[in-house]
Amino acid sequence: MTTIFALSSGAVPAGVAVFRLSGSKALEIAGQIVESPPKPRMASLRYLKDPRNGDVIDQVLILTFPGPSSFTGEDCVELHCHGGRAVVSAVIELLSSFEDCRLAEAGEFSRRAFENGKMDLMEVEGLADLIHAETDQQRRQAIRQASGHHREQLGSWRDTLLYGRSMIEAELDFADEEDVPGSVSDVIWPKISALKSEMEQHLSQARSGERVREGLQVVLVGHPNAGKSSLLNWFAKRDVAIVTEEAGTTRDLLEVHLDIEGYPVVLVDTAGLRDAENLVEKEGIRRALDRSRVADLLIEIVDSSQTVDRVVVESEADRLVLFNKEDRVGSERNLSNLKEGSFSVSIKHETGMQDFYDSFVKHIEKSFMGAENVLITQKRQADALALCVDYVEKALIYSDLPIEIRSEFLRMAGEELGKITGQIDVEEMLGVIFSQFCVGK
C-alpha cells in the first residue's frame, strides 16, 4: 500500500511541526533522510538531510513505530521539526520526492487504523468528536467512545443474538442430540425479550448523546424589540446581534455556540413575533416558529414597559420567561410576584441577571443528566440500533411463523448491530465519517 504523510500539528508558523508517515516504506524513507534511525518508540535527535544532495534541512526529533504496534497498524514514523514555513515546505517537498509516497487525504490515517483492526467505527467517530470537542462535556463523551467504552455492551448484545441463532440451528439440525434443548422457545426467547428491553432503554437515551455532540438548543422568542438580541449579546459577551430601538431588526436565525459551565449550548436569536406584512419579516417569523418547535429550551423575553400579550409558541420545551426593562416599569406595576421560571430583569443594566443565569444553568444540568452513561451518541448509530430492535421485535411477535424465518430476523438484527461498530461492510458510510477529520489524522 502507498506510504502516506501529512503535517499533523496544524497551521504554521509554530514552535514545532509534527509530520506523520505511515505505510510499507515509512521506515525505509526514515533510513534515507536521517543517519542511523533510532530504536522503535525512542525519541532521538537527528539531522534531517536530503539524500539527493546531502543538504541539511533541519534538526529534528524522530520516532519510529514498526507495525502492527502503531496507530495505523502499519510502519509509522514521526518527525518533529521546527515549525517555520520554509522548513515545512522543504519537508513536504522532500517526502513527496520518494516513490509511492504521497500526501494523505483527510482522515486517511484513521481510516487505515480502522481497516487494520486498530479501531472500530464507534471509536473512530469518538476520535473525530474528540478533535472537534469545544466543551468539557463533549470531551468526556468523546474520550469514552474513543477508548472503547461501548465494546463490552455491544459485544454482549451480539453474543446473545448469535446464541439465539445457534440454538435455533441446533434444534433444526440436531434435534435428536441430548445436548440440544427440546424447545428453543423455553431457552432463547426470554433472553431475546430481555435483550430487546435493554436495547430500547439505550435507544431512548440517544437524544442525550446527540445533545452533547450538537449542543442544547436554546431558542429566544418574544415580540419585536423585547430584548432578545440584547440577551444574545449578553451571553456571548460581544456584539453578535445588532441592537437598535427600531423593531424588527432581526429577521433571520442567528446562532451562537456557547460553553456554559462545561456544557455545550446553541443559543438562537429569532425574529420578533408579530403580524407582519413585509415578506422578508414573514419568512423570519416562520423560521422562528419552526425552530421553536424543536427547541430543547425556550427563553421568552417580554418588554415589561409595554402592555402586550405573551407570545404564543407551540413547543414542548421547558420555558424560562424574562420580564425585561424593569428599569422602565412605573411604580404602579408590580412584577415582584412572579411564577417560578419567570424573572424581572434589566438586560441593559444587568439587574436580576444572576438569578436568571443560575436558574438557566440548573435547567442545562437537568437536560444533560445521565449523559455520562449514554452509549449511542450519533444519529447513524441510533438509526442502526432502531432497525436492530425492530428486527428483534419481529422475531418475538411473529411466533406463528416458521422458526427459520424468526432466525432470519435475528440474523438481520445482528447485521444492523454490526453496522454500529463496522464489523460488517459499511463502505458507503466510511467516506462521510472520515471526511470529518483533518489531514494528518
Protein backbone atom coordinates (compact mmCIF):
# COMPACT_ATOMS: atom_id res chain seq x y z
CA MET A 1 0.00 0.00 0.00
CA THR A 2 1.15 3.54 -0.75
CA THR A 3 3.02 5.29 2.04
CA ILE A 4 1.29 8.47 3.16
CA PHE A 5 2.46 11.50 5.11
CA ALA A 6 0.97 14.70 6.46
CA LEU A 7 1.58 17.63 8.74
CA SER A 8 -0.36 16.55 11.84
CA SER A 9 0.28 19.51 14.11
CA GLY A 10 -1.79 22.23 12.43
CA ALA A 11 -1.09 25.61 10.91
CA VAL A 12 2.35 27.16 10.59
CA PRO A 13 4.33 29.08 11.65
CA ALA A 14 4.55 27.34 15.01
CA GLY A 15 7.15 26.29 17.53
CA VAL A 16 7.06 22.68 16.37
CA ALA A 17 5.70 20.99 13.24
CA VAL A 18 4.93 17.27 13.52
CA PHE A 19 4.94 15.12 10.39
CA ARG A 20 3.50 11.62 10.40
CA LEU A 21 4.29 8.87 7.88
CA SER A 22 2.53 5.52 7.56
CA GLY A 23 2.99 2.66 5.13
CA SER A 24 5.30 -0.06 3.92
CA LYS A 25 8.10 2.37 3.00
CA ALA A 26 7.93 4.61 6.09
CA LEU A 27 10.93 3.02 7.85
CA GLU A 28 12.90 2.81 4.60
CA ILE A 29 12.36 6.52 3.98
CA ALA A 30 13.38 7.29 7.56
CA GLY A 31 16.65 5.45 6.96
CA GLN A 32 17.40 7.66 3.96
CA ILE A 33 16.62 11.06 5.47
CA VAL A 34 18.41 10.62 8.81
CA GLU A 35 21.59 8.82 9.77
CA SER A 36 21.06 5.72 11.97
CA PRO A 37 17.30 5.84 12.74
CA PRO A 38 16.58 5.32 16.45
CA LYS A 39 15.25 2.20 18.12
CA PRO A 40 11.45 1.78 17.96
CA ARG A 41 9.47 4.17 20.17
CA MET A 42 12.59 6.03 21.33
CA ALA A 43 12.77 9.73 20.53
CA SER A 44 16.17 10.76 19.16
CA LEU A 45 17.68 13.97 17.85
CA ARG A 46 18.93 13.75 14.26
CA TYR A 47 19.79 15.97 11.32
CA LEU A 48 17.22 15.71 8.53
CA LYS A 49 19.05 15.53 5.20
CA ASP A 50 18.04 15.47 1.55
CA PRO A 51 19.64 12.27 0.17
CA ARG A 52 19.64 13.76 -3.33
CA ASN A 53 22.25 16.40 -2.50
CA GLY A 54 23.20 15.95 1.17
CA ASP A 55 21.72 19.30 2.24
CA VAL A 56 20.69 19.58 5.89
CA ILE A 57 17.05 20.67 6.07
CA ASP A 58 16.56 20.83 9.84
CA GLN A 59 17.48 19.26 13.15
CA VAL A 60 14.54 17.05 14.13
CA LEU A 61 13.25 14.68 16.77
CA ILE A 62 12.41 11.35 15.14
CA LEU A 63 10.41 8.38 16.41
CA THR A 64 9.65 5.09 14.68
CA PHE A 65 6.72 2.74 15.32
CA PRO A 66 7.01 -0.57 13.45
CA GLY A 67 3.66 -2.15 12.65
CA PRO A 68 1.42 -3.58 13.85
CA SER A 69 2.22 -1.79 17.13
CA SER A 70 1.32 1.65 15.81
CA PHE A 71 -1.71 3.90 15.44
CA THR A 72 -2.49 2.70 11.92
CA GLY A 73 -1.20 -0.85 12.33
CA GLU A 74 1.41 -0.10 9.65
CA ASP A 75 5.03 1.03 9.97
CA CYS A 76 4.88 4.64 11.16
CA VAL A 77 7.39 7.46 11.60
CA GLU A 78 7.05 10.84 13.30
CA LEU A 79 9.27 13.83 12.54
CA HIS A 80 9.19 16.77 14.96
CA CYS A 81 10.65 19.72 13.06
CA HIS A 82 10.84 23.43 13.65
CA GLY A 83 7.55 24.99 12.60
CA GLY A 84 8.70 27.64 10.14
CA ARG A 85 7.02 27.83 6.74
CA ALA A 86 10.26 27.27 4.83
CA VAL A 87 11.13 24.18 6.89
CA VAL A 88 7.66 22.70 6.48
CA SER A 89 7.67 23.34 2.73
CA ALA A 90 11.09 21.72 2.39
CA VAL A 91 10.00 18.62 4.33
CA ILE A 92 6.85 18.26 2.21
CA GLU A 93 8.89 18.53 -0.98
CA LEU A 94 11.43 16.00 0.33
CA LEU A 95 8.87 13.37 1.34
CA SER A 96 6.93 13.84 -1.90
CA SER A 97 10.08 13.03 -3.88
CA PHE A 98 10.07 9.40 -2.75
CA GLU A 99 8.35 6.88 -4.99
CA ASP A 100 4.97 5.65 -3.71
CA CYS A 101 4.90 8.31 -1.00
CA ARG A 102 2.22 10.98 -1.13
CA LEU A 103 0.28 13.47 0.97
CA ALA A 104 -2.52 11.86 2.94
CA GLU A 105 -6.17 12.68 2.43
CA ALA A 106 -8.38 13.90 5.27
CA GLY A 107 -8.84 11.15 7.85
CA GLU A 108 -6.70 8.66 5.93
CA PHE A 109 -4.52 7.69 8.91
CA SER A 110 -7.64 6.91 10.97
CA ARG A 111 -9.18 5.02 8.08
CA ARG A 112 -6.11 2.80 7.84
CA ALA A 113 -6.31 2.23 11.59
CA PHE A 114 -9.93 1.12 11.15
CA GLU A 115 -9.17 -1.10 8.15
CA ASN A 116 -6.29 -2.73 10.02
CA GLY A 117 -8.46 -3.50 13.04
CA LYS A 118 -6.85 -0.98 15.40
CA MET A 119 -10.17 0.83 15.95
CA ASP A 120 -13.83 0.07 15.36
CA LEU A 121 -16.21 2.56 13.76
CA MET A 122 -17.57 3.93 17.03
CA GLU A 123 -14.03 4.56 18.26
CA VAL A 124 -13.28 6.38 15.01
CA GLU A 125 -16.35 8.57 15.48
CA GLY A 126 -15.35 9.18 19.09
CA LEU A 127 -11.91 10.29 17.94
CA ALA A 128 -13.48 12.71 15.45
CA ASP A 129 -15.70 14.10 18.21
CA LEU A 130 -12.68 14.47 20.49
CA ILE A 131 -10.87 16.53 17.85
CA HIS A 132 -13.90 18.81 17.47
CA ALA A 133 -14.86 18.96 21.17
CA GLU A 134 -15.32 22.51 22.43
CA THR A 135 -16.66 21.88 25.94
CA ASP A 136 -15.69 19.62 28.82
CA GLN A 137 -18.89 17.58 28.47
CA GLN A 138 -18.17 16.95 24.79
CA ARG A 139 -14.60 15.95 25.62
CA ARG A 140 -15.74 13.48 28.27
CA GLN A 141 -18.26 11.79 25.98
CA ALA A 142 -15.81 11.65 23.08
CA ILE A 143 -12.97 10.11 25.09
CA ARG A 144 -15.31 7.44 26.48
CA GLN A 145 -16.32 6.44 22.98
CA ALA A 146 -12.81 6.71 21.51
CA SER A 147 -11.44 4.48 24.27
CA GLY A 148 -13.89 1.64 23.55
CA HIS A 149 -16.40 2.29 26.35
CA HIS A 150 -19.09 0.60 24.21
CA ARG A 151 -17.32 -2.65 23.36
CA GLU A 152 -18.47 -4.77 26.29
CA GLN A 153 -22.12 -3.76 25.94
CA LEU A 154 -22.36 -4.20 22.17
CA GLY A 155 -20.37 -7.42 22.37
CA SER A 156 -22.83 -8.81 24.90
CA TRP A 157 -25.78 -7.96 22.64
CA ARG A 158 -24.09 -9.55 19.66
CA ASP A 159 -23.33 -12.71 21.64
CA THR A 160 -26.97 -13.01 22.70
CA LEU A 161 -28.17 -12.76 19.10
CA LEU A 162 -25.59 -15.31 17.95
CA TYR A 163 -26.57 -17.63 20.80
CA GLY A 164 -30.22 -17.42 19.78
CA ARG A 165 -29.47 -18.24 16.16
CA SER A 166 -27.12 -21.06 17.10
CA MET A 167 -29.75 -22.68 19.33
CA ILE A 168 -32.33 -22.48 16.55
CA GLU A 169 -29.91 -24.02 14.07
CA ALA A 170 -29.05 -26.72 16.59
CA GLU A 171 -32.71 -27.64 17.06
CA LEU A 172 -33.24 -27.77 13.30
CA ASP A 173 -30.13 -29.82 12.53
CA PHE A 174 -29.57 -31.92 15.64
CA ALA A 175 -32.97 -32.33 17.23
CA ASP A 176 -32.18 -35.88 18.34
CA GLU A 177 -28.98 -34.98 20.20
CA GLU A 178 -29.05 -34.89 24.00
CA ASP A 179 -27.12 -31.57 24.17
CA VAL A 180 -29.89 -29.70 22.34
CA PRO A 181 -32.84 -28.47 24.44
CA GLY A 182 -36.20 -29.87 23.41
CA SER A 183 -37.79 -26.45 22.97
CA VAL A 184 -35.85 -23.44 21.78
CA SER A 185 -38.63 -21.15 22.97
CA ASP A 186 -38.03 -22.13 26.58
CA VAL A 187 -34.35 -21.22 26.27
CA ILE A 188 -33.79 -18.29 23.91
CA TRP A 189 -36.91 -16.16 23.61
CA PRO A 190 -36.90 -14.92 27.22
CA LYS A 191 -33.26 -13.90 26.68
CA ILE A 192 -34.13 -12.19 23.38
CA SER A 193 -37.03 -10.37 25.03
CA ALA A 194 -34.73 -9.09 27.80
CA LEU A 195 -32.22 -8.04 25.13
CA LYS A 196 -34.89 -6.02 23.32
CA SER A 197 -35.81 -4.16 26.52
CA GLU A 198 -32.16 -3.35 27.21
CA MET A 199 -31.61 -2.07 23.67
CA GLU A 200 -34.75 0.08 23.84
CA GLN A 201 -33.52 1.66 27.07
CA HIS A 202 -30.25 2.70 25.45
CA LEU A 203 -32.06 3.86 22.32
CA SER A 204 -34.25 6.15 24.43
CA GLN A 205 -31.08 7.87 25.69
CA ALA A 206 -29.70 8.51 22.21
CA ARG A 207 -31.05 12.07 22.14
CA SER A 208 -28.89 12.88 25.18
CA GLY A 209 -25.79 11.73 23.32
CA GLU A 210 -26.67 13.80 20.26
CA ARG A 211 -27.39 16.77 22.53
CA VAL A 212 -23.87 16.59 23.97
CA ARG A 213 -22.37 16.50 20.46
CA GLU A 214 -24.57 19.19 18.91
CA GLY A 215 -25.34 21.38 21.91
CA LEU A 216 -28.54 22.09 23.83
CA GLN A 217 -30.83 24.06 21.51
CA VAL A 218 -31.98 27.19 23.37
CA VAL A 219 -34.27 29.48 21.36
CA LEU A 220 -35.03 33.11 22.25
CA VAL A 221 -38.59 34.19 21.45
CA GLY A 222 -40.66 37.31 22.03
CA HIS A 223 -42.21 40.36 20.44
CA PRO A 224 -40.01 42.76 18.44
CA ASN A 225 -37.67 44.92 20.50
CA ALA A 226 -38.26 42.96 23.70
CA GLY A 227 -34.52 42.38 24.19
CA LYS A 228 -33.78 39.05 22.50
CA SER A 229 -30.70 40.32 20.68
CA SER A 230 -29.50 42.08 23.83
CA LEU A 231 -29.73 38.78 25.70
CA LEU A 232 -27.81 37.01 22.93
CA ASN A 233 -25.04 39.61 23.18
CA TRP A 234 -25.06 39.33 26.99
CA PHE A 235 -24.46 35.58 26.82
CA ALA A 236 -21.85 35.88 24.06
CA LYS A 237 -20.07 38.75 25.85
CA ARG A 238 -19.71 40.51 22.50
CA ASP A 239 -21.87 42.30 19.93
CA VAL A 240 -23.15 39.40 17.85
CA ALA A 241 -26.55 40.86 17.00
CA ILE A 242 -27.50 44.41 16.03
CA VAL A 243 -29.44 46.15 18.80
CA THR A 244 -31.48 49.27 17.96
CA GLU A 245 -34.70 50.93 19.08
CA GLU A 246 -36.21 50.04 15.70
CA ALA A 247 -38.46 46.98 15.89
CA GLY A 248 -37.85 44.07 13.53
CA THR A 249 -34.06 44.41 13.22
CA THR A 250 -33.54 40.64 13.47
CA ARG A 251 -35.13 38.86 10.51
CA ASP A 252 -33.24 35.58 10.35
CA LEU A 253 -31.97 32.99 12.79
CA LEU A 254 -28.71 33.93 14.47
CA GLU A 255 -26.82 31.17 16.30
CA VAL A 256 -24.06 31.39 18.89
CA HIS A 257 -22.29 28.30 20.25
CA LEU A 258 -21.53 28.68 23.95
CA ASP A 259 -19.75 26.80 26.70
CA ILE A 260 -21.98 27.18 29.75
CA GLU A 261 -20.24 25.70 32.81
CA GLY A 262 -18.74 22.97 30.61
CA TYR A 263 -21.98 22.18 28.76
CA PRO A 264 -22.44 22.85 25.02
CA VAL A 265 -25.29 25.26 24.26
CA VAL A 266 -26.53 26.65 20.95
CA LEU A 267 -28.31 29.96 21.60
CA VAL A 268 -30.62 31.02 18.76
CA ASP A 269 -31.88 34.58 18.31
CA THR A 270 -35.06 34.83 16.26
CA ALA A 271 -37.23 37.41 14.54
CA GLY A 272 -39.75 39.23 16.73
CA LEU A 273 -43.19 37.63 16.64
CA ARG A 274 -45.95 39.90 15.35
CA ASP A 275 -48.39 40.26 12.44
CA ALA A 276 -46.00 41.34 9.71
CA GLU A 277 -46.70 42.45 6.15
CA ASN A 278 -43.12 42.51 4.88
CA LEU A 279 -42.34 39.24 3.06
CA VAL A 280 -38.81 39.02 4.45
CA GLU A 281 -40.01 39.55 8.01
CA LYS A 282 -42.79 36.98 7.50
CA GLU A 283 -40.21 34.41 6.44
CA GLY A 284 -38.11 35.24 9.50
CA ILE A 285 -41.13 34.72 11.76
CA ARG A 286 -41.91 31.38 10.10
CA ARG A 287 -38.34 30.22 10.72
CA ALA A 288 -38.54 31.41 14.32
CA LEU A 289 -41.68 29.36 14.95
CA ASP A 290 -40.24 26.29 13.21
CA ARG A 291 -37.06 26.44 15.28
CA SER A 292 -39.04 26.92 18.48
CA ARG A 293 -40.92 23.67 17.89
CA VAL A 294 -37.69 21.64 18.01
CA ALA A 295 -36.02 23.61 20.82
CA ASP A 296 -34.77 21.93 23.98
CA LEU A 297 -35.44 25.11 25.98
CA LEU A 298 -37.28 28.35 25.22
CA ILE A 299 -36.42 31.70 26.75
CA GLU A 300 -39.28 34.14 26.27
CA ILE A 301 -38.40 37.81 26.61
CA VAL A 302 -41.21 40.22 27.49
CA ASP A 303 -40.96 44.01 27.38
CA SER A 304 -42.18 44.97 30.87
CA SER A 305 -42.57 48.61 29.87
CA GLN A 306 -45.26 47.73 27.30
CA THR A 307 -48.72 46.32 27.81
CA VAL A 308 -48.61 43.39 25.40
CA ASP A 309 -49.79 39.81 25.42
CA ARG A 310 -47.35 36.95 25.87
CA VAL A 311 -46.24 35.27 22.64
CA VAL A 312 -47.92 32.05 21.59
CA VAL A 313 -45.39 29.41 20.52
CA GLU A 314 -46.18 25.74 20.01
CA SER A 315 -43.37 23.85 21.73
CA GLU A 316 -42.99 21.00 24.20
CA ALA A 317 -39.78 22.52 25.56
CA ASP A 318 -39.41 23.96 29.05
CA ARG A 319 -39.67 27.73 29.15
CA LEU A 320 -38.00 30.49 31.13
CA VAL A 321 -39.59 33.96 30.99
CA LEU A 322 -37.67 37.21 31.31
CA PHE A 323 -39.67 40.36 32.02
CA ASN A 324 -37.08 42.75 30.63
CA LYS A 325 -36.60 46.52 31.01
CA GLU A 326 -37.67 46.54 34.66
CA ASP A 327 -35.89 49.88 34.97
CA ARG A 328 -38.64 51.41 32.81
CA VAL A 329 -41.56 49.95 34.78
CA GLY A 330 -43.58 52.50 36.70
CA SER A 331 -44.23 52.15 40.41
CA GLU A 332 -47.88 51.28 39.71
CA ARG A 333 -46.83 47.95 38.10
CA ASN A 334 -45.76 45.17 40.45
CA LEU A 335 -43.54 42.45 38.99
CA SER A 336 -42.37 41.03 42.30
CA ASN A 337 -44.86 38.14 42.49
CA LEU A 338 -43.60 36.17 39.52
CA LYS A 339 -44.19 32.49 38.90
CA GLU A 340 -41.33 30.03 39.13
CA GLY A 341 -39.24 30.22 35.98
CA SER A 342 -40.01 33.91 35.50
CA PHE A 343 -37.60 36.74 36.24
CA SER A 344 -37.82 40.51 36.36
CA VAL A 345 -34.60 41.84 34.84
CA SER A 346 -32.89 44.63 33.02
CA ILE A 347 -30.54 43.09 30.48
CA LYS A 348 -29.05 46.50 29.73
CA HIS A 349 -28.19 47.22 33.38
CA GLU A 350 -27.72 43.50 34.29
CA THR A 351 -30.23 43.79 37.12
CA GLY A 352 -31.61 40.40 38.15
CA MET A 353 -29.49 38.58 35.59
CA GLN A 354 -27.54 36.48 38.11
CA ASP A 355 -30.72 34.83 39.44
CA PHE A 356 -31.83 34.12 35.88
CA TYR A 357 -28.41 32.71 34.96
CA ASP A 358 -28.37 30.40 37.99
CA SER A 359 -31.78 29.02 37.02
CA PHE A 360 -30.66 28.68 33.40
CA VAL A 361 -27.64 26.61 34.46
CA LYS A 362 -29.88 24.32 36.55
CA HIS A 363 -32.06 23.68 33.50
CA ILE A 364 -28.97 22.84 31.47
CA GLU A 365 -27.65 20.44 34.11
CA LYS A 366 -31.05 18.75 34.22
CA SER A 367 -31.07 18.38 30.43
CA PHE A 368 -27.69 16.64 30.46
CA MET A 369 -28.42 14.46 33.50
CA GLY A 370 -27.34 10.88 32.82
CA ALA A 371 -25.40 11.81 29.70
CA GLU A 372 -22.23 10.24 31.14
CA ASN A 373 -23.79 6.78 30.71
CA VAL A 374 -25.05 7.24 27.16
CA LEU A 375 -23.97 4.52 24.73
CA ILE A 376 -25.40 5.85 21.45
CA THR A 377 -24.15 9.33 20.53
CA GLN A 378 -24.89 9.82 16.83
CA LYS A 379 -27.90 9.57 14.55
CA ARG A 380 -26.17 6.94 12.40
CA GLN A 381 -25.72 4.72 15.44
CA ALA A 382 -29.28 5.36 16.64
CA ASP A 383 -30.76 4.50 13.23
CA ALA A 384 -28.87 1.20 13.12
CA LEU A 385 -29.89 0.30 16.68
CA ALA A 386 -33.53 1.18 15.93
CA LEU A 387 -33.54 -1.22 12.97
CA CYS A 388 -31.87 -3.86 15.12
CA VAL A 389 -34.62 -3.51 17.75
CA ASP A 390 -37.26 -3.67 15.01
CA TYR A 391 -35.93 -6.99 13.70
CA VAL A 392 -35.68 -8.41 17.22
CA GLU A 393 -39.27 -7.39 17.87
CA LYS A 394 -40.41 -9.15 14.69
CA ALA A 395 -38.61 -12.31 15.77
CA LEU A 396 -40.50 -12.16 19.07
CA ILE A 397 -44.03 -11.26 17.96
CA TYR A 398 -44.30 -13.42 14.85
CA SER A 399 -44.38 -16.59 16.90
CA ASP A 400 -46.63 -18.33 14.37
CA LEU A 401 -44.00 -18.10 11.63
CA PRO A 402 -41.59 -20.96 10.90
CA ILE A 403 -38.63 -20.83 13.24
CA GLU A 404 -36.25 -20.47 10.27
CA ILE A 405 -37.81 -17.10 9.44
CA ARG A 406 -37.60 -15.94 13.04
CA SER A 407 -33.92 -16.91 12.97
CA GLU A 408 -33.51 -14.79 9.85
CA PHE A 409 -34.90 -11.79 11.74
CA LEU A 410 -32.21 -12.34 14.38
CA ARG A 411 -29.57 -12.50 11.65
CA MET A 412 -30.73 -9.16 10.21
CA ALA A 413 -30.73 -7.68 13.71
CA GLY A 414 -27.11 -8.78 14.09
CA GLU A 415 -26.23 -7.11 10.79
CA GLU A 416 -27.67 -3.79 11.95
CA LEU A 417 -25.79 -4.12 15.23
CA GLY A 418 -22.61 -4.79 13.28
CA LYS A 419 -23.08 -1.56 11.32
CA ILE A 420 -22.68 0.42 14.54
CA THR A 421 -19.09 -0.72 15.05
CA GLY A 422 -18.28 -1.50 11.41
CA GLN A 423 -17.98 -5.25 11.92
CA ILE A 424 -19.81 -5.74 8.62
CA ASP A 425 -19.44 -3.99 5.27
CA VAL A 426 -20.11 -0.27 5.77
CA GLU A 427 -18.20 1.09 2.77
CA GLU A 428 -20.90 3.60 1.82
CA MET A 429 -20.70 5.46 5.12
CA LEU A 430 -16.92 5.41 5.55
CA GLY A 431 -16.27 8.33 3.22
CA VAL A 432 -18.69 10.51 5.15
CA ILE A 433 -17.24 9.60 8.55
CA PHE A 434 -13.56 10.02 7.67
CA SER A 435 -14.16 13.30 5.83
CA GLN A 436 -14.79 14.86 9.26
CA PHE A 437 -11.10 14.50 10.14
CA CYS A 438 -8.36 16.96 9.34
CA VAL A 439 -5.44 15.97 7.12
CA GLY A 440 -2.85 14.22 9.28
CA LYS A 441 -5.38 12.32 11.37
